[in-house]
Amino acid sequence: MKIERVNDHQIRCTLTKADLDIRNLKLSELAYGTDKAKSLFRDMLHEASRLYGFEAEDIPLMIEAIPLPGGTVVLIISKVEDPEELDTRFSKFAPDLRAGEISEPENVALSGADDSTRISTRLYKFSDLDDAIRASHQILYRTSVDSSLYKNDGAFYLMIKDNGDTVNYNKVANMLTEYAESEQSNPSGILIFKKKAETLIEDNALDNLSKI
């Protein structure tokens, strides 16, 4: 199990198939809040607190699962200060590290980039354009995702959409978390954002940025 700090409000946890096998856990159990899944989340939060001071006591969390080839899964865990921002596709927990307990999840479902029942869309925030350009140069699977670039309140936002190649979409989504903050991914939030943001590159944003 590998835990990394993305920013003050977000951590990324990488679980290999071996990590899940050791705990006798299946990916589906993460969504249904079994005792084994709760134990795993508790351990991750404890370790994140020890390593990075990531404290999430009495704060709801949004947990997004990104399945990768080979049985590996990446969990993006974000603090949510406004409960209304929670998308019903995510698991919500109210962890209490002192008590060592995690409450029953509401709206239980994990959203992965491979959701075949809908088109997955995600939004990533960059503090400046240079960061977005650097990210584009590192992503090797640009042709398999649709991407657009926006500007809003001085920050730059990259939106990616799954166009059917789920494996490569997962890779792009996972790599982007190395360079940017994961933002909106629920449909209503995306629509609201697009109405107020300035469109800089409508199509093939990653390709165009990588040529700069």
C-alpha atoms as a PDB file:
ATOM      1  CA  MET A   1       0.000   0.000   0.000  1.00  0.00           C
ATOM      2  CA  LYS A   2       1.418   3.351  -1.067  1.00  0.00           C
ATOM      3  CA  ILE A   3       0.054   6.601   0.346  1.00  0.00           C
ATOM      4  CA  GLU A   4       0.949   9.990  -1.142  1.00  0.00           C
ATOM      5  CA  ARG A   5      -0.069  13.530  -0.234  1.00  0.00           C
ATOM      6  CA  VAL A   6      -1.558  15.423  -3.165  1.00  0.00           C
ATOM      7  CA  ASN A   7      -2.357  18.591  -1.214  1.00  0.00           C
ATOM      8  CA  ASP A   8      -3.753  19.660   2.177  1.00  0.00           C
ATOM      9  CA  HIS A   9      -7.183  18.317   1.283  1.00  0.00           C
ATOM     10  CA  GLN A  10      -6.373  15.215  -0.746  1.00  0.00           C
ATOM     11  CA  ILE A  11      -4.324  12.024  -0.587  1.00  0.00           C
ATOM     12  CA  ARG A  12      -3.781   9.239  -3.093  1.00  0.00           C
ATOM     13  CA  CYS A  13      -3.581   5.586  -2.028  1.00  0.00           C
ATOM     14  CA  THR A  14      -2.347   2.902  -4.396  1.00  0.00           C
ATOM     15  CA  LEU A  15      -3.377  -0.655  -3.619  1.00  0.00           C
ATOM     16  CA  THR A  16      -1.930  -3.546  -5.578  1.00  0.00           C
ATOM     17  CA  LYS A  17      -3.685  -6.854  -6.097  1.00  0.00           C
ATOM     18  CA  ALA A  18      -1.353  -8.262  -3.437  1.00  0.00           C
ATOM     19  CA  ASP A  19      -2.484  -5.600  -0.956  1.00  0.00           C
ATOM     20  CA  LEU A  20      -6.110  -6.572  -1.524  1.00  0.00           C
ATOM     21  CA  ASP A  21      -5.344 -10.287  -1.423  1.00  0.00           C
ATOM     22  CA  ILE A  22      -3.562  -9.951   1.941  1.00  0.00           C
ATOM     23  CA  ARG A  23      -6.735  -8.471   3.395  1.00  0.00           C
ATOM     24  CA  ASN A  24      -8.925 -10.905   1.457  1.00  0.00           C
ATOM     25  CA  LEU A  25     -10.669  -7.888  -0.076  1.00  0.00           C
ATOM     26  CA  LYS A  26     -12.443  -7.513  -3.392  1.00  0.00           C
ATOM     27  CA  LEU A  27     -12.835  -4.162  -5.130  1.00  0.00           C
ATOM     28  CA  SER A  28     -16.611  -4.415  -4.837  1.00  0.00           C
ATOM     29  CA  GLU A  29     -16.332  -4.637  -1.042  1.00  0.00           C
ATOM     30  CA  LEU A  30     -14.831  -1.139  -0.927  1.00  0.00           C
ATOM     31  CA  ALA A  31     -18.120   0.224  -2.212  1.00  0.00           C
ATOM     32  CA  TYR A  32     -20.334  -1.667   0.208  1.00  0.00           C
ATOM     33  CA  GLY A  33     -18.558  -0.706   3.415  1.00  0.00           C
ATOM     34  CA  THR A  34     -17.794  -4.179   4.747  1.00  0.00           C
ATOM     35  CA  ASP A  35     -15.874  -4.521   8.003  1.00  0.00           C
ATOM     36  CA  LYS A  36     -12.735  -5.390   6.035  1.00  0.00           C
ATOM     37  CA  ALA A  37     -13.140  -2.296   3.874  1.00  0.00           C
ATOM     38  CA  LYS A  38     -13.655  -0.096   6.950  1.00  0.00           C
ATOM     39  CA  SER A  39     -10.513  -1.549   8.489  1.00  0.00           C
ATOM     40  CA  LEU A  40      -8.578  -0.727   5.321  1.00  0.00           C
ATOM     41  CA  PHE A  41      -9.850   2.872   5.217  1.00  0.00           C
ATOM     42  CA  ARG A  42      -9.054   3.271   8.908  1.00  0.00           C
ATOM     43  CA  ASP A  43      -5.492   2.072   8.354  1.00  0.00           C
ATOM     44  CA  MET A  44      -5.040   4.389   5.355  1.00  0.00           C
ATOM     45  CA  LEU A  45      -6.268   7.417   7.280  1.00  0.00           C
ATOM     46  CA  HIS A  46      -4.096   6.549  10.271  1.00  0.00           C
ATOM     47  CA  GLU A  47      -1.023   6.227   8.054  1.00  0.00           C
ATOM     48  CA  ALA A  48      -1.842   9.448   6.174  1.00  0.00           C
ATOM     49  CA  SER A  49      -2.153  11.214   9.524  1.00  0.00           C
ATOM     50  CA  ARG A  50       1.201   9.831  10.694  1.00  0.00           C
ATOM     51  CA  LEU A  51       3.066  10.596   7.471  1.00  0.00           C
ATOM     52  CA  TYR A  52       1.540  13.885   6.381  1.00  0.00           C
ATOM     53  CA  GLY A  53      -0.607  15.201   9.207  1.00  0.00           C
ATOM     54  CA  PHE A  54      -3.685  14.533   7.093  1.00  0.00           C
ATOM     55  CA  GLU A  55      -6.404  14.899   9.702  1.00  0.00           C
ATOM     56  CA  ALA A  56      -9.960  14.068   8.650  1.00  0.00           C
ATOM     57  CA  GLU A  57     -11.738  13.802  11.972  1.00  0.00           C
ATOM     58  CA  ASP A  58     -15.427  14.737  11.682  1.00  0.00           C
ATOM     59  CA  ILE A  59     -14.912  15.763   8.048  1.00  0.00           C
ATOM     60  CA  PRO A  60     -16.799  13.917   5.278  1.00  0.00           C
ATOM     61  CA  LEU A  61     -14.575  12.330   2.681  1.00  0.00           C
ATOM     62  CA  MET A  62     -15.096  11.735  -1.018  1.00  0.00           C
ATOM     63  CA  ILE A  63     -13.416   8.538  -2.172  1.00  0.00           C
ATOM     64  CA  GLU A  64     -12.883   7.924  -5.877  1.00  0.00           C
ATOM     65  CA  ALA A  65     -11.598   4.570  -7.118  1.00  0.00           C
ATOM     66  CA  ILE A  66      -9.552   4.323 -10.309  1.00  0.00           C
ATOM     67  CA  PRO A  67      -9.075   0.668 -11.326  1.00  0.00           C
ATOM     68  CA  LEU A  68      -5.853  -0.032 -13.236  1.00  0.00           C
ATOM     69  CA  PRO A  69      -4.676  -3.074 -15.179  1.00  0.00           C
ATOM     70  CA  GLY A  70      -3.303  -5.971 -13.141  1.00  0.00           C
ATOM     71  CA  GLY A  71      -5.755  -5.597 -10.280  1.00  0.00           C
ATOM     72  CA  THR A  72      -4.268  -2.377  -8.902  1.00  0.00           C
ATOM     73  CA  VAL A  73      -6.654   0.323  -7.704  1.00  0.00           C
ATOM     74  CA  VAL A  74      -5.908   3.974  -6.915  1.00  0.00           C
ATOM     75  CA  LEU A  75      -8.090   5.658  -4.280  1.00  0.00           C
ATOM     76  CA  ILE A  76      -8.291   9.449  -4.377  1.00  0.00           C
ATOM     77  CA  ILE A  77      -9.478  10.580  -0.937  1.00  0.00           C
ATOM     78  CA  SER A  78     -10.598  14.200  -0.662  1.00  0.00           C
ATOM     79  CA  LYS A  79     -11.885  16.221   2.271  1.00  0.00           C
ATOM     80  CA  VAL A  80     -15.266  17.790   1.564  1.00  0.00           C
ATOM     81  CA  GLU A  81     -16.050  20.817   3.722  1.00  0.00           C
ATOM     82  CA  ASP A  82     -19.450  21.362   2.080  1.00  0.00           C
ATOM     83  CA  PRO A  83     -21.489  18.114   2.197  1.00  0.00           C
ATOM     84  CA  GLU A  84     -23.617  19.353  -0.705  1.00  0.00           C
ATOM     85  CA  GLU A  85     -20.587  18.955  -2.955  1.00  0.00           C
ATOM     86  CA  LEU A  86     -20.643  15.208  -2.453  1.00  0.00           C
ATOM     87  CA  ASP A  87     -21.523  13.318  -5.598  1.00  0.00           C
ATOM     88  CA  THR A  88     -23.871  10.380  -4.979  1.00  0.00           C
ATOM     89  CA  ARG A  89     -21.448   8.159  -6.889  1.00  0.00           C
ATOM     90  CA  PHE A  90     -18.861   8.441  -4.094  1.00  0.00           C
ATOM     91  CA  SER A  91     -18.647   6.807  -0.687  1.00  0.00           C
ATOM     92  CA  LYS A  92     -18.973   9.262   2.198  1.00  0.00           C
ATOM     93  CA  PHE A  93     -17.454   8.513   5.571  1.00  0.00           C
ATOM     94  CA  ALA A  94     -17.175  10.438   8.810  1.00  0.00           C
ATOM     95  CA  PRO A  95     -13.961   9.040  10.286  1.00  0.00           C
ATOM     96  CA  ASP A  96     -13.017   9.360  13.950  1.00  0.00           C
ATOM     97  CA  LEU A  97      -9.366   8.431  14.287  1.00  0.00           C
ATOM     98  CA  ARG A  98      -9.434   8.635  18.073  1.00  0.00           C
ATOM     99  CA  ALA A  99     -12.299   6.211  18.382  1.00  0.00           C
ATOM    100  CA  GLY A 100     -10.953   4.100  15.527  1.00  0.00           C
ATOM    101  CA  GLU A 101     -14.362   3.951  13.936  1.00  0.00           C
ATOM    102  CA  ILE A 102     -15.825   4.890  10.585  1.00  0.00           C
ATOM    103  CA  SER A 103     -19.537   5.530  10.258  1.00  0.00           C
ATOM    104  CA  GLU A 104     -21.717   3.680   7.820  1.00  0.00           C
ATOM    105  CA  PRO A 105     -21.300   5.158   4.324  1.00  0.00           C
ATOM    106  CA  GLU A 106     -24.098   7.134   2.705  1.00  0.00           C
ATOM    107  CA  ASN A 107     -24.882   6.961  -1.006  1.00  0.00           C
ATOM    108  CA  VAL A 108     -22.565   3.977  -1.213  1.00  0.00           C
ATOM    109  CA  ALA A 109     -20.886   3.561  -4.572  1.00  0.00           C
ATOM    110  CA  LEU A 110     -17.350   3.910  -5.809  1.00  0.00           C
ATOM    111  CA  SER A 111     -16.849   5.675  -9.093  1.00  0.00           C
ATOM    112  CA  GLY A 112     -14.081   4.373 -11.294  1.00  0.00           C
ATOM    113  CA  ALA A 113     -12.960   5.673 -14.643  1.00  0.00           C
ATOM    114  CA  ASP A 114     -14.196   2.455 -16.196  1.00  0.00           C
ATOM    115  CA  ASP A 115     -17.881   3.075 -15.545  1.00  0.00           C
ATOM    116  CA  SER A 116     -19.330   1.677 -18.758  1.00  0.00           C
ATOM    117  CA  THR A 117     -22.868   2.843 -18.065  1.00  0.00           C
ATOM    118  CA  ARG A 118     -22.045   6.501 -18.757  1.00  0.00           C
ATOM    119  CA  ILE A 119     -19.383   8.787 -20.182  1.00  0.00           C
ATOM    120  CA  SER A 120     -16.890   9.586 -17.441  1.00  0.00           C
ATOM    121  CA  THR A 121     -15.779  13.212 -17.251  1.00  0.00           C
ATOM    122  CA  ARG A 122     -13.258  14.662 -14.827  1.00  0.00           C
ATOM    123  CA  LEU A 123     -11.870  18.083 -14.080  1.00  0.00           C
ATOM    124  CA  TYR A 124      -8.354  18.871 -12.848  1.00  0.00           C
ATOM    125  CA  LYS A 125      -7.142  22.200 -11.473  1.00  0.00           C
ATOM    126  CA  PHE A 126      -3.690  23.664 -12.206  1.00  0.00           C
ATOM    127  CA  SER A 127      -2.364  26.731 -10.416  1.00  0.00           C
ATOM    128  CA  ASP A 128      -0.679  27.958 -13.602  1.00  0.00           C
ATOM    129  CA  LEU A 129      -0.459  27.084 -17.281  1.00  0.00           C
ATOM    130  CA  ASP A 130       3.130  25.846 -17.049  1.00  0.00           C
ATOM    131  CA  ASP A 131       2.016  23.017 -14.760  1.00  0.00           C
ATOM    132  CA  ALA A 132      -0.597  21.955 -17.295  1.00  0.00           C
ATOM    133  CA  ILE A 133       2.010  22.016 -20.063  1.00  0.00           C
ATOM    134  CA  ARG A 134       4.426  19.910 -18.021  1.00  0.00           C
ATOM    135  CA  ALA A 135       1.697  17.376 -17.305  1.00  0.00           C
ATOM    136  CA  SER A 136       0.814  17.116 -20.993  1.00  0.00           C
ATOM    137  CA  HIS A 137       4.436  16.294 -21.851  1.00  0.00           C
ATOM    138  CA  GLN A 138       4.441  13.403 -19.380  1.00  0.00           C
ATOM    139  CA  ILE A 139       1.184  11.794 -20.490  1.00  0.00           C
ATOM    140  CA  LEU A 140       1.786   9.153 -23.120  1.00  0.00           C
ATOM    141  CA  TYR A 141      -1.834   8.205 -23.825  1.00  0.00           C
ATOM    142  CA  ARG A 142      -3.171  11.524 -25.071  1.00  0.00           C
ATOM    143  CA  THR A 143      -4.968  10.201 -28.154  1.00  0.00           C
ATOM    144  CA  SER A 144      -7.336   8.006 -26.153  1.00  0.00           C
ATOM    145  CA  VAL A 145      -9.126  10.777 -24.235  1.00  0.00           C
ATOM    146  CA  ASP A 146     -11.009  13.894 -25.223  1.00  0.00           C
ATOM    147  CA  SER A 147      -9.642  16.931 -23.408  1.00  0.00           C
ATOM    148  CA  SER A 148     -10.441  20.633 -23.046  1.00  0.00           C
ATOM    149  CA  LEU A 149      -8.710  23.508 -21.257  1.00  0.00           C
ATOM    150  CA  TYR A 150     -10.512  26.229 -19.302  1.00  0.00           C
ATOM    151  CA  LYS A 151      -9.595  29.233 -17.187  1.00  0.00           C
ATOM    152  CA  ASN A 152     -11.561  30.376 -14.149  1.00  0.00           C
ATOM    153  CA  ASP A 153     -10.639  32.714 -11.267  1.00  0.00           C
ATOM    154  CA  GLY A 154      -7.004  32.771 -12.314  1.00  0.00           C
ATOM    155  CA  ALA A 155      -6.567  28.992 -12.352  1.00  0.00           C
ATOM    156  CA  PHE A 156      -6.429  26.595 -15.295  1.00  0.00           C
ATOM    157  CA  TYR A 157      -8.651  23.536 -15.557  1.00  0.00           C
ATOM    158  CA  LEU A 158      -8.195  20.469 -17.723  1.00  0.00           C
ATOM    159  CA  MET A 159     -11.284  18.418 -18.465  1.00  0.00           C
ATOM    160  CA  ILE A 160     -10.926  14.870 -19.747  1.00  0.00           C
ATOM    161  CA  LYS A 161     -13.636  12.583 -21.062  1.00  0.00           C
ATOM    162  CA  ASP A 162     -13.615   8.828 -21.581  1.00  0.00           C
ATOM    163  CA  ASN A 163     -14.248   8.164 -25.263  1.00  0.00           C
ATOM    164  CA  GLY A 164     -14.368   4.385 -24.938  1.00  0.00           C
ATOM    165  CA  ASP A 165     -10.763   3.368 -24.315  1.00  0.00           C
ATOM    166  CA  THR A 166     -11.165   2.834 -20.597  1.00  0.00           C
ATOM    167  CA  VAL A 167      -7.679   1.445 -19.921  1.00  0.00           C
ATOM    168  CA  ASN A 168      -5.908   4.487 -21.319  1.00  0.00           C
ATOM    169  CA  TYR A 169      -8.451   6.836 -19.766  1.00  0.00           C
ATOM    170  CA  ASN A 170      -7.619   5.329 -16.380  1.00  0.00           C
ATOM    171  CA  LYS A 171      -3.924   5.880 -17.013  1.00  0.00           C
ATOM    172  CA  VAL A 172      -4.434   9.518 -17.965  1.00  0.00           C
ATOM    173  CA  ALA A 173      -6.654  10.130 -14.931  1.00  0.00           C
ATOM    174  CA  ASN A 174      -4.126   8.537 -12.616  1.00  0.00           C
ATOM    175  CA  MET A 175      -1.183  10.470 -14.070  1.00  0.00           C
ATOM    176  CA  LEU A 176      -2.989  13.794 -13.840  1.00  0.00           C
ATOM    177  CA  THR A 177      -3.320  13.424 -10.076  1.00  0.00           C
ATOM    178  CA  GLU A 178       0.481  13.744  -9.969  1.00  0.00           C
ATOM    179  CA  TYR A 179       0.283  17.302 -11.282  1.00  0.00           C
ATOM    180  CA  ALA A 180      -3.133  18.709 -10.440  1.00  0.00           C
ATOM    181  CA  GLU A 181      -5.951  18.757  -7.921  1.00  0.00           C
ATOM    182  CA  SER A 182      -8.921  16.568  -8.765  1.00  0.00           C
ATOM    183  CA  GLU A 183     -12.002  18.781  -8.964  1.00  0.00           C
ATOM    184  CA  GLN A 184     -15.615  18.268 -10.121  1.00  0.00           C
ATOM    185  CA  SER A 185     -16.672  15.012 -11.722  1.00  0.00           C
ATOM    186  CA  ASN A 186     -20.425  14.995 -11.194  1.00  0.00           C
ATOM    187  CA  PRO A 187     -22.522  15.979 -14.241  1.00  0.00           C
ATOM    188  CA  SER A 188     -24.295  18.925 -12.636  1.00  0.00           C
ATOM    189  CA  GLY A 189     -21.058  20.371 -11.310  1.00  0.00           C
ATOM    190  CA  ILE A 190     -19.389  20.027 -14.713  1.00  0.00           C
ATOM    191  CA  LEU A 191     -22.250  21.873 -16.426  1.00  0.00           C
ATOM    192  CA  ILE A 192     -22.154  24.724 -13.910  1.00  0.00           C
ATOM    193  CA  PHE A 193     -18.399  25.028 -14.280  1.00  0.00           C
ATOM    194  CA  LYS A 194     -18.516  25.152 -18.091  1.00  0.00           C
ATOM    195  CA  LYS A 195     -21.045  27.976 -17.992  1.00  0.00           C
ATOM    196  CA  LYS A 196     -18.857  30.255 -15.907  1.00  0.00           C
ATOM    197  CA  ALA A 197     -15.369  29.312 -17.152  1.00  0.00           C
ATOM    198  CA  GLU A 198     -13.507  30.701 -20.158  1.00  0.00           C
ATOM    199  CA  THR A 199     -12.787  28.078 -22.820  1.00  0.00           C
ATOM    200  CA  LEU A 200      -9.141  28.224 -23.937  1.00  0.00           C
ATOM    201  CA  ILE A 201      -8.863  24.987 -25.938  1.00  0.00           C
ATOM    202  CA  GLU A 202     -12.099  23.273 -26.890  1.00  0.00           C
ATOM    203  CA  ASP A 203     -10.692  20.009 -28.289  1.00  0.00           C
ATOM    204  CA  ASN A 204      -7.469  17.980 -28.030  1.00  0.00           C
ATOM    205  CA  ALA A 205      -6.132  20.171 -25.236  1.00  0.00           C
ATOM    206  CA  LEU A 206      -3.518  17.646 -24.117  1.00  0.00           C
ATOM    207  CA  ASP A 207      -2.188  17.258 -27.640  1.00  0.00           C
ATOM    208  CA  ASN A 208      -2.001  21.005 -28.174  1.00  0.00           C
ATOM    209  CA  LEU A 209      -0.348  21.676 -24.818  1.00  0.00           C
ATOM    210  CA  SER A 210       2.251  18.970 -25.431  1.00  0.00           C
ATOM    211  CA  LYS A 211       3.408  20.843 -28.545  1.00  0.00           C
ATOM    212  CA  ILE A 212       4.247  23.992 -26.587  1.00  0.00           C
END
